[in-house]
Every structure is written in structure tokens, then in C-alpha cells.
Amino acid sequence: MENDHNGLPATSRSRRIGMRLFLIYVLLYAGFMGIVLFRPEALSWRPLGGVNLAIAYGMGLIVAAFVLAVLYMVACRGDGQDG
């Protein structure tokens, strides 16, 4: 099994990176849910011209998921490969 620069198995490194990125996404999503639960009137605010906060935040969550997935892919490139 391939080891990373710390001597840990590459799968352990990938798992650690994945969990950290997942935690970032959970915090972003928890922020959205916090607004929905405690300040629902704020969702009608239009910070981006005609787009309200609910749509902007929702689209931001989708973009964040994509960006975090790309970060994971780049960070774990080469993990588990023979060479």
C-alpha cells in the first residue's frame, strides 16, 4: 500500500481530506438551515439585484459542493496508484 508524506496509508489521507471537506459543506448547509429556522424573513432579501437570498444561497451550496469535489479530486490525485 502506498504511503503519503507522513507515512500514513494513502486511503487514510484521502479519508481525512474528505471528512474535512465534508465538514466545511455541513457548516455551509447548517448556516442555510439556521437562516431558514431562525430568520426566514431574511430569505426574501435581494442581495444580488432580482435574486433573493434563498435562491442565491441555494445556488451557492450547489457551487460549493462542486468546488469541494474538485478540491478533493486534486488533493487526492495519485492516492492508491501504483508507481
PDB file of N, CA and C in Angstrom:
ATOM      1  N   MET A   1       0.843  -1.187   0.000  1.00  0.00           N
ATOM      2  CA  MET A   1       0.000   0.000   0.000  1.00  0.00           C
ATOM      3  C   MET A   1       0.881   1.240   0.000  1.00  0.00           C
ATOM      4  N   GLU A   2       0.503   2.215  -0.779  1.00  0.00           N
ATOM      5  CA  GLU A   2       1.271   3.448  -0.903  1.00  0.00           C
ATOM      6  C   GLU A   2       1.069   4.316   0.347  1.00  0.00           C
ATOM      7  N   ASN A   3       2.160   4.961   0.774  1.00  0.00           N
ATOM      8  CA  ASN A   3       2.080   5.861   1.921  1.00  0.00           C
ATOM      9  C   ASN A   3       2.200   7.300   1.452  1.00  0.00           C
ATOM     10  N   ASP A   4       1.584   8.211   2.221  1.00  0.00           N
ATOM     11  CA  ASP A   4       1.734   9.627   1.900  1.00  0.00           C
ATOM     12  C   ASP A   4       3.007  10.151   2.559  1.00  0.00           C
ATOM     13  N   HIS A   5       3.212  11.458   2.518  1.00  0.00           N
ATOM     14  CA  HIS A   5       4.437  12.051   3.055  1.00  0.00           C
ATOM     15  C   HIS A   5       4.564  11.922   4.570  1.00  0.00           C
ATOM     16  N   ASN A   6       3.476  11.628   5.288  1.00  0.00           N
ATOM     17  CA  ASN A   6       3.511  11.448   6.741  1.00  0.00           C
ATOM     18  C   ASN A   6       3.668   9.989   7.123  1.00  0.00           C
ATOM     19  N   GLY A   7       3.763   9.107   6.134  1.00  0.00           N
ATOM     20  CA  GLY A   7       3.893   7.694   6.417  1.00  0.00           C
ATOM     21  C   GLY A   7       2.564   6.989   6.620  1.00  0.00           C
ATOM     22  N   LEU A   8       1.450   7.702   6.490  1.00  0.00           N
ATOM     23  CA  LEU A   8       0.130   7.095   6.625  1.00  0.00           C
ATOM     24  C   LEU A   8      -0.298   6.494   5.300  1.00  0.00           C
ATOM     25  N   PRO A   9      -1.100   5.442   5.345  1.00  0.00           N
ATOM     26  CA  PRO A   9      -1.626   4.907   4.081  1.00  0.00           C
ATOM     27  C   PRO A   9      -2.392   5.983   3.323  1.00  0.00           C
ATOM     28  N   ALA A  10      -2.284   5.948   1.996  1.00  0.00           N
ATOM     29  CA  ALA A  10      -2.919   6.971   1.161  1.00  0.00           C
ATOM     30  C   ALA A  10      -4.420   7.004   1.369  1.00  0.00           C
ATOM     31  N   THR A  11      -5.051   5.845   1.615  1.00  0.00           N
ATOM     32  CA  THR A  11      -6.501   5.843   1.833  1.00  0.00           C
ATOM     33  C   THR A  11      -6.860   6.587   3.101  1.00  0.00           C
ATOM     34  N   SER A  12      -6.012   6.510   4.118  1.00  0.00           N
ATOM     35  CA  SER A  12      -6.259   7.248   5.359  1.00  0.00           C
ATOM     36  C   SER A  12      -6.173   8.751   5.099  1.00  0.00           C
ATOM     37  N   ARG A  13      -5.201   9.145   4.293  1.00  0.00           N
ATOM     38  CA  ARG A  13      -5.055  10.568   3.938  1.00  0.00           C
ATOM     39  C   ARG A  13      -6.271  11.053   3.158  1.00  0.00           C
ATOM     40  N   SER A  14      -6.726  10.265   2.196  1.00  0.00           N
ATOM     41  CA  SER A  14      -7.905  10.625   1.403  1.00  0.00           C
ATOM     42  C   SER A  14      -9.138  10.746   2.286  1.00  0.00           C
ATOM     43  N   ARG A  15      -9.270   9.816   3.215  1.00  0.00           N
ATOM     44  CA  ARG A  15     -10.419   9.843   4.125  1.00  0.00           C
ATOM     45  C   ARG A  15     -10.392  11.104   4.988  1.00  0.00           C
ATOM     46  N   ARG A  16      -9.216  11.458   5.478  1.00  0.00           N
ATOM     47  CA  ARG A  16      -9.074  12.649   6.322  1.00  0.00           C
ATOM     48  C   ARG A  16      -9.426  13.916   5.542  1.00  0.00           C
ATOM     49  N   ILE A  17      -8.932  14.015   4.318  1.00  0.00           N
ATOM     50  CA  ILE A  17      -9.238  15.169   3.469  1.00  0.00           C
ATOM     51  C   ILE A  17     -10.737  15.227   3.188  1.00  0.00           C
ATOM     52  N   GLY A  18     -11.310  14.085   2.827  1.00  0.00           N
ATOM     53  CA  GLY A  18     -12.744  14.027   2.537  1.00  0.00           C
ATOM     54  C   GLY A  18     -13.600  14.453   3.709  1.00  0.00           C
ATOM     55  N   MET A  19     -13.238  14.015   4.899  1.00  0.00           N
ATOM     56  CA  MET A  19     -14.027  14.383   6.079  1.00  0.00           C
ATOM     57  C   MET A  19     -13.915  15.880   6.383  1.00  0.00           C
ATOM     58  N   ARG A  20     -12.758  16.455   6.171  1.00  0.00           N
ATOM     59  CA  ARG A  20     -12.607  17.899   6.404  1.00  0.00           C
ATOM     60  C   ARG A  20     -13.441  18.708   5.402  1.00  0.00           C
ATOM     61  N   LEU A  21     -13.412  18.296   4.140  1.00  0.00           N
ATOM     62  CA  LEU A  21     -14.202  18.998   3.136  1.00  0.00           C
ATOM     63  C   LEU A  21     -15.696  18.808   3.402  1.00  0.00           C
ATOM     64  N   PHE A  22     -16.079  17.614   3.838  1.00  0.00           N
ATOM     65  CA  PHE A  22     -17.473  17.354   4.182  1.00  0.00           C
ATOM     66  C   PHE A  22     -17.906  18.244   5.348  1.00  0.00           C
ATOM     67  N   LEU A  23     -17.045  18.411   6.343  1.00  0.00           N
ATOM     68  CA  LEU A  23     -17.358  19.277   7.479  1.00  0.00           C
ATOM     69  C   LEU A  23     -17.567  20.723   7.016  1.00  0.00           C
ATOM     70  N   ILE A  24     -16.750  21.183   6.084  1.00  0.00           N
ATOM     71  CA  ILE A  24     -16.933  22.528   5.538  1.00  0.00           C
ATOM     72  C   ILE A  24     -18.311  22.655   4.906  1.00  0.00           C
ATOM     73  N   TYR A  25     -18.707  21.647   4.118  1.00  0.00           N
ATOM     74  CA  TYR A  25     -20.017  21.697   3.468  1.00  0.00           C
ATOM     75  C   TYR A  25     -21.146  21.634   4.494  1.00  0.00           C
ATOM     76  N   VAL A  26     -20.988  20.806   5.520  1.00  0.00           N
ATOM     77  CA  VAL A  26     -22.016  20.709   6.562  1.00  0.00           C
ATOM     78  C   VAL A  26     -22.185  22.066   7.250  1.00  0.00           C
ATOM     79  N   LEU A  27     -21.100  22.769   7.501  1.00  0.00           N
ATOM     80  CA  LEU A  27     -21.201  24.086   8.129  1.00  0.00           C
ATOM     81  C   LEU A  27     -21.912  25.086   7.216  1.00  0.00           C
ATOM     82  N   LEU A  28     -21.613  25.034   5.920  1.00  0.00           N
ATOM     83  CA  LEU A  28     -22.317  25.910   4.974  1.00  0.00           C
ATOM     84  C   LEU A  28     -23.816  25.595   4.965  1.00  0.00           C
ATOM     85  N   TYR A  29     -24.146  24.310   4.936  1.00  0.00           N
ATOM     86  CA  TYR A  29     -25.545  23.898   4.910  1.00  0.00           C
ATOM     87  C   TYR A  29     -26.238  24.245   6.223  1.00  0.00           C
ATOM     88  N   ALA A  30     -25.539  24.068   7.342  1.00  0.00           N
ATOM     89  CA  ALA A  30     -26.110  24.425   8.647  1.00  0.00           C
ATOM     90  C   ALA A  30     -26.406  25.921   8.710  1.00  0.00           C
ATOM     91  N   GLY A  31     -25.561  26.738   8.076  1.00  0.00           N
ATOM     92  CA  GLY A  31     -25.833  28.173   8.019  1.00  0.00           C
ATOM     93  C   GLY A  31     -27.130  28.456   7.280  1.00  0.00           C
ATOM     94  N   PHE A  32     -27.335  27.758   6.170  1.00  0.00           N
ATOM     95  CA  PHE A  32     -28.574  27.914   5.410  1.00  0.00           C
ATOM     96  C   PHE A  32     -29.774  27.477   6.249  1.00  0.00           C
ATOM     97  N   MET A  33     -29.658  26.339   6.898  1.00  0.00           N
ATOM     98  CA  MET A  33     -30.760  25.842   7.720  1.00  0.00           C
ATOM     99  C   MET A  33     -31.016  26.765   8.916  1.00  0.00           C
ATOM    100  N   GLY A  34     -29.967  27.365   9.446  1.00  0.00           N
ATOM    101  CA  GLY A  34     -30.133  28.316  10.542  1.00  0.00           C
ATOM    102  C   GLY A  34     -30.941  29.528  10.108  1.00  0.00           C
ATOM    103  N   ILE A  35     -30.668  30.017   8.907  1.00  0.00           N
ATOM    104  CA  ILE A  35     -31.447  31.141   8.389  1.00  0.00           C
ATOM    105  C   ILE A  35     -32.902  30.731   8.192  1.00  0.00           C
ATOM    106  N   VAL A  36     -33.114  29.540   7.623  1.00  0.00           N
ATOM    107  CA  VAL A  36     -34.476  29.052   7.391  1.00  0.00           C
ATOM    108  C   VAL A  36     -35.242  28.928   8.703  1.00  0.00           C
ATOM    109  N   LEU A  37     -34.588  28.421   9.740  1.00  0.00           N
ATOM    110  CA  LEU A  37     -35.253  28.194  11.015  1.00  0.00           C
ATOM    111  C   LEU A  37     -35.457  29.453  11.843  1.00  0.00           C
ATOM    112  N   PHE A  38     -34.428  30.299  11.898  1.00  0.00           N
ATOM    113  CA  PHE A  38     -34.454  31.415  12.840  1.00  0.00           C
ATOM    114  C   PHE A  38     -34.687  32.783  12.210  1.00  0.00           C
ATOM    115  N   ARG A  39     -34.465  32.935  10.921  1.00  0.00           N
ATOM    116  CA  ARG A  39     -34.666  34.220  10.253  1.00  0.00           C
ATOM    117  C   ARG A  39     -35.279  34.025   8.875  1.00  0.00           C
ATOM    118  N   PRO A  40     -36.424  33.346   8.776  1.00  0.00           N
ATOM    119  CA  PRO A  40     -36.989  33.059   7.450  1.00  0.00           C
ATOM    120  C   PRO A  40     -37.304  34.314   6.637  1.00  0.00           C
ATOM    121  N   GLU A  41     -37.574  35.407   7.307  1.00  0.00           N
ATOM    122  CA  GLU A  41     -37.867  36.644   6.575  1.00  0.00           C
ATOM    123  C   GLU A  41     -36.644  37.155   5.816  1.00  0.00           C
ATOM    124  N   ALA A  42     -35.454  36.770   6.273  1.00  0.00           N
ATOM    125  CA  ALA A  42     -34.219  37.197   5.606  1.00  0.00           C
ATOM    126  C   ALA A  42     -34.078  36.566   4.224  1.00  0.00           C
ATOM    127  N   LEU A  43     -34.766  35.457   3.981  1.00  0.00           N
ATOM    128  CA  LEU A  43     -34.642  34.774   2.697  1.00  0.00           C
ATOM    129  C   LEU A  43     -35.229  35.582   1.544  1.00  0.00           C
ATOM    130  N   SER A  44     -36.083  36.541   1.854  1.00  0.00           N
ATOM    131  CA  SER A  44     -36.668  37.369   0.796  1.00  0.00           C
ATOM    132  C   SER A  44     -35.783  38.565   0.428  1.00  0.00           C
ATOM    133  N   TRP A  45     -34.732  38.797   1.201  1.00  0.00           N
ATOM    134  CA  TRP A  45     -33.793  39.879   0.905  1.00  0.00           C
ATOM    135  C   TRP A  45     -33.146  39.627  -0.453  1.00  0.00           C
ATOM    136  N   ARG A  46     -32.953  40.662  -1.223  1.00  0.00           N
ATOM    137  CA  ARG A  46     -32.412  40.545  -2.584  1.00  0.00           C
ATOM    138  C   ARG A  46     -31.027  41.187  -2.668  1.00  0.00           C
ATOM    139  N   PRO A  47     -29.986  40.426  -2.260  1.00  0.00           N
ATOM    140  CA  PRO A  47     -28.633  40.990  -2.272  1.00  0.00           C
ATOM    141  C   PRO A  47     -28.022  41.087  -3.678  1.00  0.00           C
ATOM    142  N   LEU A  48     -28.538  40.319  -4.622  1.00  0.00           N
ATOM    143  CA  LEU A  48     -27.963  40.280  -5.970  1.00  0.00           C
ATOM    144  C   LEU A  48     -28.964  40.776  -7.002  1.00  0.00           C
ATOM    145  N   GLY A  49     -29.429  41.979  -6.841  1.00  0.00           N
ATOM    146  CA  GLY A  49     -30.399  42.529  -7.780  1.00  0.00           C
ATOM    147  C   GLY A  49     -31.758  41.873  -7.612  1.00  0.00           C
ATOM    148  N   GLY A  50     -32.190  41.083  -8.593  1.00  0.00           N
ATOM    149  CA  GLY A  50     -33.503  40.469  -8.531  1.00  0.00           C
ATOM    150  C   GLY A  50     -33.530  39.092  -7.903  1.00  0.00           C
ATOM    151  N   VAL A  51     -32.373  38.570  -7.487  1.00  0.00           N
ATOM    152  CA  VAL A  51     -32.304  37.221  -6.932  1.00  0.00           C
ATOM    153  C   VAL A  51     -32.352  37.297  -5.409  1.00  0.00           C
ATOM    154  N   ASN A  52     -33.324  36.567  -4.812  1.00  0.00           N
ATOM    155  CA  ASN A  52     -33.414  36.628  -3.355  1.00  0.00           C
ATOM    156  C   ASN A  52     -32.360  35.735  -2.701  1.00  0.00           C
ATOM    157  N   LEU A  53     -32.197  35.902  -1.399  1.00  0.00           N
ATOM    158  CA  LEU A  53     -31.162  35.194  -0.650  1.00  0.00           C
ATOM    159  C   LEU A  53     -31.365  33.684  -0.702  1.00  0.00           C
ATOM    160  N   ALA A  54     -32.603  33.220  -0.686  1.00  0.00           N
ATOM    161  CA  ALA A  54     -32.872  31.785  -0.714  1.00  0.00           C
ATOM    162  C   ALA A  54     -32.291  31.154  -1.982  1.00  0.00           C
ATOM    163  N   ILE A  55     -32.547  31.769  -3.122  1.00  0.00           N
ATOM    164  CA  ILE A  55     -32.035  31.245  -4.394  1.00  0.00           C
ATOM    165  C   ILE A  55     -30.514  31.391  -4.453  1.00  0.00           C
ATOM    166  N   ALA A  56     -30.001  32.551  -4.062  1.00  0.00           N
ATOM    167  CA  ALA A  56     -28.552  32.785  -4.119  1.00  0.00           C
ATOM    168  C   ALA A  56     -27.803  31.798  -3.218  1.00  0.00           C
ATOM    169  N   TYR A  57     -28.293  31.596  -1.997  1.00  0.00           N
ATOM    170  CA  TYR A  57     -27.629  30.680  -1.062  1.00  0.00           C
ATOM    171  C   TYR A  57     -27.742  29.245  -1.572  1.00  0.00           C
ATOM    172  N   GLY A  58     -28.914  28.869  -2.077  1.00  0.00           N
ATOM    173  CA  GLY A  58     -29.096  27.526  -2.616  1.00  0.00           C
ATOM    174  C   GLY A  58     -28.161  27.246  -3.779  1.00  0.00           C
ATOM    175  N   MET A  59     -28.053  28.195  -4.690  1.00  0.00           N
ATOM    176  CA  MET A  59     -27.126  28.028  -5.814  1.00  0.00           C
ATOM    177  C   MET A  59     -25.678  28.015  -5.313  1.00  0.00           C
ATOM    178  N   GLY A  60     -25.412  28.816  -4.300  1.00  0.00           N
ATOM    179  CA  GLY A  60     -24.073  28.813  -3.700  1.00  0.00           C
ATOM    180  C   GLY A  60     -23.723  27.466  -3.102  1.00  0.00           C
ATOM    181  N   LEU A  61     -24.702  26.795  -2.502  1.00  0.00           N
ATOM    182  CA  LEU A  61     -24.458  25.464  -1.948  1.00  0.00           C
ATOM    183  C   LEU A  61     -24.130  24.461  -3.056  1.00  0.00           C
ATOM    184  N   ILE A  62     -24.816  24.575  -4.174  1.00  0.00           N
ATOM    185  CA  ILE A  62     -24.540  23.683  -5.298  1.00  0.00           C
ATOM    186  C   ILE A  62     -23.131  23.928  -5.835  1.00  0.00           C
ATOM    187  N   VAL A  63     -22.778  25.185  -6.001  1.00  0.00           N
ATOM    188  CA  VAL A  63     -21.435  25.531  -6.488  1.00  0.00           C
ATOM    189  C   VAL A  63     -20.383  25.082  -5.472  1.00  0.00           C
ATOM    190  N   ALA A  64     -20.652  25.284  -4.186  1.00  0.00           N
ATOM    191  CA  ALA A  64     -19.702  24.872  -3.152  1.00  0.00           C
ATOM    192  C   ALA A  64     -19.476  23.364  -3.183  1.00  0.00           C
ATOM    193  N   ALA A  65     -20.532  22.590  -3.393  1.00  0.00           N
ATOM    194  CA  ALA A  65     -20.382  21.132  -3.473  1.00  0.00           C
ATOM    195  C   ALA A  65     -19.480  20.761  -4.646  1.00  0.00           C
ATOM    196  N   PHE A  66     -19.662  21.418  -5.773  1.00  0.00           N
ATOM    197  CA  PHE A  66     -18.829  21.142  -6.943  1.00  0.00           C
ATOM    198  C   PHE A  66     -17.376  21.528  -6.672  1.00  0.00           C
ATOM    199  N   VAL A  67     -17.161  22.703  -6.105  1.00  0.00           N
ATOM    200  CA  VAL A  67     -15.799  23.178  -5.823  1.00  0.00           C
ATOM    201  C   VAL A  67     -15.108  22.246  -4.829  1.00  0.00           C
ATOM    202  N   LEU A  68     -15.815  21.830  -3.778  1.00  0.00           N
ATOM    203  CA  LEU A  68     -15.224  20.931  -2.797  1.00  0.00           C
ATOM    204  C   LEU A  68     -14.896  19.577  -3.419  1.00  0.00           C
ATOM    205  N   ALA A  69     -15.739  19.104  -4.334  1.00  0.00           N
ATOM    206  CA  ALA A  69     -15.459  17.839  -5.018  1.00  0.00           C
ATOM    207  C   ALA A  69     -14.203  17.953  -5.875  1.00  0.00           C
ATOM    208  N   VAL A  70     -14.041  19.082  -6.561  1.00  0.00           N
ATOM    209  CA  VAL A  70     -12.842  19.290  -7.374  1.00  0.00           C
ATOM    210  C   VAL A  70     -11.610  19.391  -6.474  1.00  0.00           C
ATOM    211  N   LEU A  71     -11.730  20.092  -5.353  1.00  0.00           N
ATOM    212  CA  LEU A  71     -10.616  20.173  -4.405  1.00  0.00           C
ATOM    213  C   LEU A  71     -10.223  18.790  -3.902  1.00  0.00           C
ATOM    214  N   TYR A  72     -11.203  17.964  -3.609  1.00  0.00           N
ATOM    215  CA  TYR A  72     -10.932  16.608  -3.149  1.00  0.00           C
ATOM    216  C   TYR A  72     -10.205  15.817  -4.237  1.00  0.00           C
ATOM    217  N   MET A  73     -10.692  15.939  -5.455  1.00  0.00           N
ATOM    218  CA  MET A  73     -10.082  15.217  -6.565  1.00  0.00           C
ATOM    219  C   MET A  73      -8.615  15.626  -6.738  1.00  0.00           C
ATOM    220  N   VAL A  74      -8.350  16.921  -6.674  1.00  0.00           N
ATOM    221  CA  VAL A  74      -6.984  17.412  -6.844  1.00  0.00           C
ATOM    222  C   VAL A  74      -6.115  17.008  -5.658  1.00  0.00           C
ATOM    223  N   ALA A  75      -6.645  17.126  -4.455  1.00  0.00           N
ATOM    224  CA  ALA A  75      -5.858  16.817  -3.262  1.00  0.00           C
ATOM    225  C   ALA A  75      -5.515  15.335  -3.164  1.00  0.00           C
ATOM    226  N   CYS A  76      -6.384  14.487  -3.685  1.00  0.00           N
ATOM    227  CA  CYS A  76      -6.165  13.040  -3.580  1.00  0.00           C
ATOM    228  C   CYS A  76      -5.619  12.430  -4.851  1.00  0.00           C
ATOM    229  N   ARG A  77      -5.259  13.249  -5.803  1.00  0.00           N
ATOM    230  CA  ARG A  77      -4.707  12.737  -7.053  1.00  0.00           C
ATOM    231  C   ARG A  77      -3.488  11.854  -6.756  1.00  0.00           C
ATOM    232  N   GLY A  78      -3.487  10.688  -7.318  1.00  0.00           N
ATOM    233  CA  GLY A  78      -2.366   9.782  -7.141  1.00  0.00           C
ATOM    234  C   GLY A  78      -2.485   8.864  -5.946  1.00  0.00           C
ATOM    235  N   ASP A  79      -3.432   9.111  -5.034  1.00  0.00           N
ATOM    236  CA  ASP A  79      -3.609   8.219  -3.887  1.00  0.00           C
ATOM    237  C   ASP A  79      -4.045   6.845  -4.363  1.00  0.00           C
ATOM    238  N   GLY A  80      -3.369   5.836  -3.891  1.00  0.00           N
ATOM    239  CA  GLY A  80      -3.748   4.468  -4.200  1.00  0.00           C
ATOM    240  C   GLY A  80      -3.241   3.958  -5.540  1.00  0.00           C
ATOM    241  N   GLN A  81      -2.502   4.774  -6.266  1.00  0.00           N
ATOM    242  CA  GLN A  81      -1.978   4.324  -7.551  1.00  0.00           C
ATOM    243  C   GLN A  81      -0.608   3.674  -7.345  1.00  0.00           C
ATOM    244  N   ASP A  82      -0.337   2.655  -8.126  1.00  0.00           N
ATOM    245  CA  ASP A  82       0.985   2.029  -8.081  1.00  0.00           C
ATOM    246  C   ASP A  82       1.978   2.915  -8.815  1.00  0.00           C
ATOM    247  N   GLY A  83       3.157   2.955  -8.345  1.00  0.00           N
ATOM    248  CA  GLY A  83       4.097   3.764  -9.093  1.00  0.00           C
ATOM    249  C   GLY A  83       5.261   4.081  -8.316  1.00  0.00           C
TER     250      GLY A  83
END
